[in-house]
C-alpha atoms as a PDB file:
ATOM      1  CA  MET A   1       8.897 -16.070  16.280  1.00  0.00           C
ATOM      2  CA  SER A   2      11.360 -13.360  15.304  1.00  0.00           C
ATOM      3  CA  ASP A   3      13.314 -11.408  17.884  1.00  0.00           C
ATOM      4  CA  ARG A   4      13.318  -8.394  15.548  1.00  0.00           C
ATOM      5  CA  HIS A   5      10.837  -5.597  16.120  1.00  0.00           C
ATOM      6  CA  VAL A   6       9.641  -2.593  14.160  1.00  0.00           C
ATOM      7  CA  TYR A   7      11.433   0.639  14.909  1.00  0.00           C
ATOM      8  CA  GLU A   8      11.070   4.170  13.575  1.00  0.00           C
ATOM      9  CA  TYR A   9      13.813   6.679  12.985  1.00  0.00           C
ATOM     10  CA  ALA A  10      14.309  10.242  11.813  1.00  0.00           C
ATOM     11  CA  LEU A  11      17.404  12.247  11.067  1.00  0.00           C
ATOM     12  CA  LEU A  12      18.154  15.424  12.976  1.00  0.00           C
ATOM     13  CA  ARG A  13      19.225  18.089  10.527  1.00  0.00           C
ATOM     14  CA  VAL A  14      20.864  21.437  11.136  1.00  0.00           C
ATOM     15  CA  VAL A  15      19.520  24.092   8.778  1.00  0.00           C
ATOM     16  CA  PRO A  16      21.611  27.196   9.460  1.00  0.00           C
ATOM     17  CA  ARG A  17      19.960  29.441   6.859  1.00  0.00           C
ATOM     18  CA  ILE A  18      16.444  28.324   6.015  1.00  0.00           C
ATOM     19  CA  GLU A  19      16.261  30.541   2.938  1.00  0.00           C
ATOM     20  CA  ARG A  20      19.112  28.570   1.311  1.00  0.00           C
ATOM     21  CA  GLY A  21      17.627  25.143   2.051  1.00  0.00           C
ATOM     22  CA  GLU A  22      21.032  23.641   2.898  1.00  0.00           C
ATOM     23  CA  ARG A  23      21.396  21.256   5.795  1.00  0.00           C
ATOM     24  CA  VAL A  24      23.832  19.041   7.649  1.00  0.00           C
ATOM     25  CA  ASN A  25      22.778  15.746   9.219  1.00  0.00           C
ATOM     26  CA  ALA A  26      23.667  15.941  12.906  1.00  0.00           C
ATOM     27  CA  GLY A  27      21.911  13.040  14.571  1.00  0.00           C
ATOM     28  CA  VAL A  28      19.334  10.324  14.519  1.00  0.00           C
ATOM     29  CA  LEU A  29      16.248   9.604  16.642  1.00  0.00           C
ATOM     30  CA  VAL A  30      15.265   5.958  17.101  1.00  0.00           C
ATOM     31  CA  TYR A  31      12.029   4.680  18.658  1.00  0.00           C
ATOM     32  CA  CYS A  32      10.964   1.073  19.223  1.00  0.00           C
ATOM     33  CA  ARG A  33       7.451   0.756  20.650  1.00  0.00           C
ATOM     34  CA  HIS A  34       7.864  -2.923  21.568  1.00  0.00           C
ATOM     35  CA  ARG A  35      10.838  -2.076  23.793  1.00  0.00           C
ATOM     36  CA  SER A  36       9.492   1.299  25.010  1.00  0.00           C
ATOM     37  CA  PHE A  37      12.800   2.630  23.748  1.00  0.00           C
ATOM     38  CA  VAL A  38      13.687   6.055  22.422  1.00  0.00           C
ATOM     39  CA  THR A  39      17.149   7.504  21.936  1.00  0.00           C
ATOM     40  CA  ALA A  40      19.021  10.226  20.117  1.00  0.00           C
ATOM     41  CA  ARG A  41      22.575   9.832  18.897  1.00  0.00           C
ATOM     42  CA  THR A  42      24.228  13.013  17.690  1.00  0.00           C
ATOM     43  CA  HIS A  43      27.428  14.081  15.982  1.00  0.00           C
ATOM     44  CA  LEU A  44      27.973  17.656  14.832  1.00  0.00           C
ATOM     45  CA  ASP A  45      30.487  18.115  12.029  1.00  0.00           C
ATOM     46  CA  GLU A  46      31.327  21.706  12.892  1.00  0.00           C
ATOM     47  CA  ALA A  47      33.555  22.255   9.854  1.00  0.00           C
ATOM     48  CA  ARG A  48      30.764  21.160   7.498  1.00  0.00           C
ATOM     49  CA  LEU A  49      28.259  23.408   9.263  1.00  0.00           C
ATOM     50  CA  LEU A  50      30.617  26.384   9.149  1.00  0.00           C
ATOM     51  CA  ALA A  51      31.173  25.774   5.425  1.00  0.00           C
ATOM     52  CA  LEU A  52      27.435  26.364   4.939  1.00  0.00           C
ATOM     53  CA  ASP A  53      27.282  29.314   7.314  1.00  0.00           C
ATOM     54  CA  PRO A  54      30.486  30.788   8.771  1.00  0.00           C
ATOM     55  CA  ALA A  55      28.375  32.675  11.323  1.00  0.00           C
ATOM     56  CA  ALA A  56      26.514  29.573  12.580  1.00  0.00           C
ATOM     57  CA  ASP A  57      25.892  29.525  16.327  1.00  0.00           C
ATOM     58  CA  LEU A  58      27.825  26.343  17.191  1.00  0.00           C
ATOM     59  CA  ALA A  59      27.137  26.617  20.920  1.00  0.00           C
ATOM     60  CA  GLY A  60      23.408  27.037  20.259  1.00  0.00           C
ATOM     61  CA  VAL A  61      23.305  24.048  17.923  1.00  0.00           C
ATOM     62  CA  ARG A  62      25.213  21.874  20.407  1.00  0.00           C
ATOM     63  CA  ALA A  63      22.774  22.958  23.149  1.00  0.00           C
ATOM     64  CA  ALA A  64      19.767  22.082  20.970  1.00  0.00           C
ATOM     65  CA  LEU A  65      21.218  18.637  20.205  1.00  0.00           C
ATOM     66  CA  ARG A  66      21.886  18.028  23.920  1.00  0.00           C
ATOM     67  CA  ALA A  67      18.285  19.037  24.676  1.00  0.00           C
ATOM     68  CA  VAL A  68      17.002  16.426  22.202  1.00  0.00           C
ATOM     69  CA  GLU A  69      19.207  13.801  23.871  1.00  0.00           C
ATOM     70  CA  GLY A  70      17.793  14.878  27.246  1.00  0.00           C
ATOM     71  CA  VAL A  71      14.187  14.498  26.114  1.00  0.00           C
ATOM     72  CA  CYS A  72      14.978  10.997  24.857  1.00  0.00           C
ATOM     73  CA  ALA A  73      16.692  10.065  28.125  1.00  0.00           C
ATOM     74  CA  GLY A  74      13.648  11.064  30.158  1.00  0.00           C
ATOM     75  CA  GLY A  75      13.878  11.943  33.832  1.00  0.00           C
ATOM     76  CA  SER A  76      14.744  15.470  34.884  1.00  0.00           C
ATOM     77  CA  ALA A  77      16.719  16.030  31.651  1.00  0.00           C
ATOM     78  CA  ALA A  78      13.451  15.762  29.696  1.00  0.00           C
ATOM     79  CA  GLY A  79      11.878  18.836  31.261  1.00  0.00           C
ATOM     80  CA  GLN A  80       8.112  18.908  30.720  1.00  0.00           C
ATOM     81  CA  ALA A  81       8.291  15.622  28.790  1.00  0.00           C
ATOM     82  CA  ALA A  82       9.737  13.786  31.808  1.00  0.00           C
ATOM     83  CA  ARG A  83       6.469  12.007  32.600  1.00  0.00           C
ATOM     84  CA  ASP A  84       5.669  11.135  28.987  1.00  0.00           C
ATOM     85  CA  ASP A  85       6.276   7.630  27.687  1.00  0.00           C
ATOM     86  CA  ALA A  86       8.918   6.937  25.037  1.00  0.00           C
ATOM     87  CA  GLY A  87       6.413   7.135  22.189  1.00  0.00           C
ATOM     88  CA  ARG A  88       5.084  10.540  23.188  1.00  0.00           C
ATOM     89  CA  ARG A  89       8.614  11.895  23.571  1.00  0.00           C
ATOM     90  CA  PHE A  90       9.520  10.575  20.081  1.00  0.00           C
ATOM     91  CA  ARG A  91       6.369  12.069  18.528  1.00  0.00           C
ATOM     92  CA  TRP A  92       7.075  15.420  20.163  1.00  0.00           C
ATOM     93  CA  LEU A  93      10.659  15.407  18.837  1.00  0.00           C
ATOM     94  CA  ILE A  94       9.664  14.548  15.248  1.00  0.00           C
ATOM     95  CA  ALA A  95       6.985  17.233  15.053  1.00  0.00           C
ATOM     96  CA  PRO A  96       7.834  19.779  12.338  1.00  0.00           C
ATOM     97  CA  ARG A  97       9.414  22.941  13.643  1.00  0.00           C
ATOM     98  CA  SER A  98      11.075  26.003  12.198  1.00  0.00           C
ATOM     99  CA  THR A  99      14.227  26.032  14.270  1.00  0.00           C
ATOM    100  CA  ILE A 100      17.806  25.486  13.219  1.00  0.00           C
ATOM    101  CA  VAL A 101      17.710  21.834  14.382  1.00  0.00           C
ATOM    102  CA  GLN A 102      14.881  20.076  12.550  1.00  0.00           C
ATOM    103  CA  PRO A 103      13.683  16.469  12.322  1.00  0.00           C
ATOM    104  CA  GLY A 104      13.542  14.808   8.926  1.00  0.00           C
ATOM    105  CA  PRO A 105      10.869  12.392   7.712  1.00  0.00           C
ATOM    106  CA  VAL A 106      10.211   9.217   9.692  1.00  0.00           C
ATOM    107  CA  HIS A 107      11.354   5.874   8.282  1.00  0.00           C
ATOM    108  CA  THR A 108      10.882   2.334   9.604  1.00  0.00           C
ATOM    109  CA  GLY A 109      12.853  -0.884   9.855  1.00  0.00           C
ATOM    110  CA  LEU A 110      13.277  -4.086  11.853  1.00  0.00           C
ATOM    111  CA  THR A 111      15.865  -4.616  14.560  1.00  0.00           C
ATOM    112  CA  ALA A 112      16.677  -6.888  17.479  1.00  0.00           C
ATOM    113  CA  ASP A 113      18.756  -4.155  19.165  1.00  0.00           C
ATOM    114  CA  PRO A 114      17.438  -0.575  18.849  1.00  0.00           C
ATOM    115  CA  ALA A 115      20.474   0.932  20.604  1.00  0.00           C
ATOM    116  CA  ALA A 116      22.866  -0.765  18.182  1.00  0.00           C
ATOM    117  CA  GLU A 117      20.632   0.321  15.303  1.00  0.00           C
ATOM    118  CA  ALA A 118      20.912   3.936  16.458  1.00  0.00           C
ATOM    119  CA  GLU A 119      24.707   3.676  16.336  1.00  0.00           C
ATOM    120  CA  ARG A 120      24.595   2.025  12.918  1.00  0.00           C
ATOM    121  CA  LEU A 121      22.331   4.738  11.537  1.00  0.00           C
ATOM    122  CA  LEU A 122      24.533   7.460  13.016  1.00  0.00           C
ATOM    123  CA  ASP A 123      27.572   5.966  11.309  1.00  0.00           C
ATOM    124  CA  LEU A 124      25.734   5.432   8.019  1.00  0.00           C
ATOM    125  CA  LEU A 125      23.815   8.706   7.728  1.00  0.00           C
ATOM    126  CA  VAL A 126      25.606  11.293   9.843  1.00  0.00           C
ATOM    127  CA  ARG A 127      29.307  10.651  10.350  1.00  0.00           C
END
């Protein structure tokens, strides 16, 4: 029996000017149902974002990324989602929205360590 389990992930993208369609990857969401695990790892490359939009609201983007991390963490930081299980919090976070911080499409993989996978994906796709 394998110790690897299915996980799902989605990139968090910052889209400063929707009409231009440009974006910067700023984080990754990882969910593993078997482990009841959900996390967000973020990294905002401010210089890259400002290259796309010199007037970008950096403080607002950082706050939105922290809010996503809070929802994943659960507890009081999750606000209304505090009582939801990890899967419901993940599904809520990947729902399409028209804000500056948007989730990308969901992908799947296998992992024995979802937390380590989140770090690997952050390094591979964001940093």
